[in-house]
Amino acid sequence: MSAVQTQIRIDSEVKKQVTELFDSLGLDMSGAVNLFLRQCLYHDGLPFEVKRPRLSKETLETIAEAKRIAKDPNVKGYNTFESLKAALESDDE
């Protein structure tokens, strides 16, 4: 079986996120794409259902807010449950 080179265009943020995911699974981009393509052949179509999510406006706004908070360096973060619990129980604001 000979391999051929193929180019695809993907969003840079998506590539960053899936590269981290694939790394954690022991895959590289090429291996993951080959796995996906083989699954398409095995299923004789896409190996998953494709449909639009039905999220409410409130849910979409909440997701957007959570993303903003996650990227805000001024928002205090906690590394352990104990430190979060201590902050919640503290009277200091």
Protein backbone atom coordinates (compact mmCIF):
# COMPACT_ATOMS: atom_id res chain seq x y z
CA MET A 1 0.00 0.00 0.00
CA SER A 2 1.50 3.31 -1.04
CA ALA A 3 0.87 6.55 0.81
CA VAL A 4 0.03 9.83 -0.88
CA GLN A 5 0.40 13.29 0.55
CA THR A 6 -2.83 15.28 0.99
CA GLN A 7 -3.33 18.88 2.04
CA ILE A 8 -6.28 20.09 4.07
CA ARG A 9 -7.18 23.49 5.50
CA ILE A 10 -8.45 23.71 9.06
CA ASP A 11 -8.98 26.49 11.56
CA SER A 12 -5.76 27.17 13.49
CA GLU A 13 -7.49 27.00 16.90
CA VAL A 14 -9.16 23.70 15.98
CA LYS A 15 -5.78 22.33 14.88
CA LYS A 16 -4.19 23.39 18.17
CA GLN A 17 -6.94 21.76 20.22
CA VAL A 18 -7.08 18.50 18.27
CA THR A 19 -3.28 18.23 18.21
CA GLU A 20 -3.32 18.35 22.03
CA LEU A 21 -6.15 15.79 22.09
CA PHE A 22 -4.43 13.46 19.62
CA ASP A 23 -1.13 13.76 21.53
CA SER A 24 -2.89 12.62 24.69
CA LEU A 25 -4.25 9.63 22.74
CA GLY A 26 -0.86 8.75 21.26
CA LEU A 27 -1.85 9.84 17.75
CA ASP A 28 -0.51 12.40 15.33
CA MET A 29 -2.65 14.31 12.85
CA SER A 30 -1.89 11.90 10.01
CA GLY A 31 -2.76 8.85 12.10
CA ALA A 32 -5.99 10.43 13.32
CA VAL A 33 -7.08 11.40 9.80
CA ASN A 34 -6.27 7.89 8.53
CA LEU A 35 -8.26 6.42 11.42
CA PHE A 36 -11.21 8.66 10.55
CA LEU A 37 -11.05 7.76 6.85
CA ARG A 38 -10.88 4.03 7.58
CA GLN A 39 -13.91 4.36 9.86
CA CYS A 40 -15.77 6.11 7.03
CA LEU A 41 -15.04 3.12 4.80
CA TYR A 42 -16.02 0.65 7.54
CA HIS A 43 -19.35 2.43 8.16
CA ASP A 44 -19.89 3.19 4.46
CA GLY A 45 -20.42 6.82 5.45
CA LEU A 46 -19.55 9.09 8.31
CA PRO A 47 -18.89 7.17 11.55
CA PHE A 48 -21.10 9.51 13.55
CA GLU A 49 -24.38 11.35 13.25
CA VAL A 50 -24.16 14.87 11.81
CA LYS A 51 -26.76 17.30 13.04
CA ARG A 52 -27.01 20.85 14.32
CA PRO A 53 -27.01 21.21 18.08
CA ARG A 54 -30.21 22.56 19.56
CA LEU A 55 -28.87 24.84 22.24
CA SER A 56 -30.97 27.59 23.70
CA LYS A 57 -29.90 31.22 23.44
CA GLU A 58 -29.27 31.19 27.19
CA THR A 59 -27.00 28.13 26.89
CA LEU A 60 -25.04 29.70 24.02
CA GLU A 61 -24.61 32.91 26.04
CA THR A 62 -23.46 30.89 29.06
CA ILE A 63 -20.90 29.03 26.95
CA ALA A 64 -19.60 32.33 25.55
CA GLU A 65 -19.37 33.78 29.07
CA ALA A 66 -17.49 30.71 30.33
CA LYS A 67 -14.99 31.03 27.47
CA ARG A 68 -14.46 34.72 28.29
CA ILE A 69 -13.93 33.93 31.97
CA ALA A 70 -11.51 31.09 31.17
CA LYS A 71 -9.33 33.45 29.11
CA ASP A 72 -9.48 36.40 31.57
CA PRO A 73 -6.17 36.62 33.48
CA ASN A 74 -7.88 38.74 36.16
CA VAL A 75 -10.22 35.94 37.20
CA LYS A 76 -8.90 33.96 40.18
CA GLY A 77 -8.41 30.27 39.54
CA TYR A 78 -8.03 27.33 41.89
CA ASN A 79 -5.86 24.25 41.50
CA THR A 80 -7.55 22.14 44.14
CA PHE A 81 -11.02 21.67 45.49
CA GLU A 82 -9.73 22.50 48.94
CA SER A 83 -8.46 25.93 47.84
CA LEU A 84 -11.77 26.67 46.10
CA LYS A 85 -13.72 25.58 49.18
CA ALA A 86 -11.53 27.76 51.43
CA ALA A 87 -12.11 30.78 49.17
CA LEU A 88 -15.87 30.20 49.17
CA GLU A 89 -15.96 29.91 52.94
CA SER A 90 -13.78 32.98 53.42
CA ASP A 91 -15.35 36.31 54.34
CA ASP A 92 -12.71 38.17 52.27
CA GLU A 93 -13.83 39.57 48.94
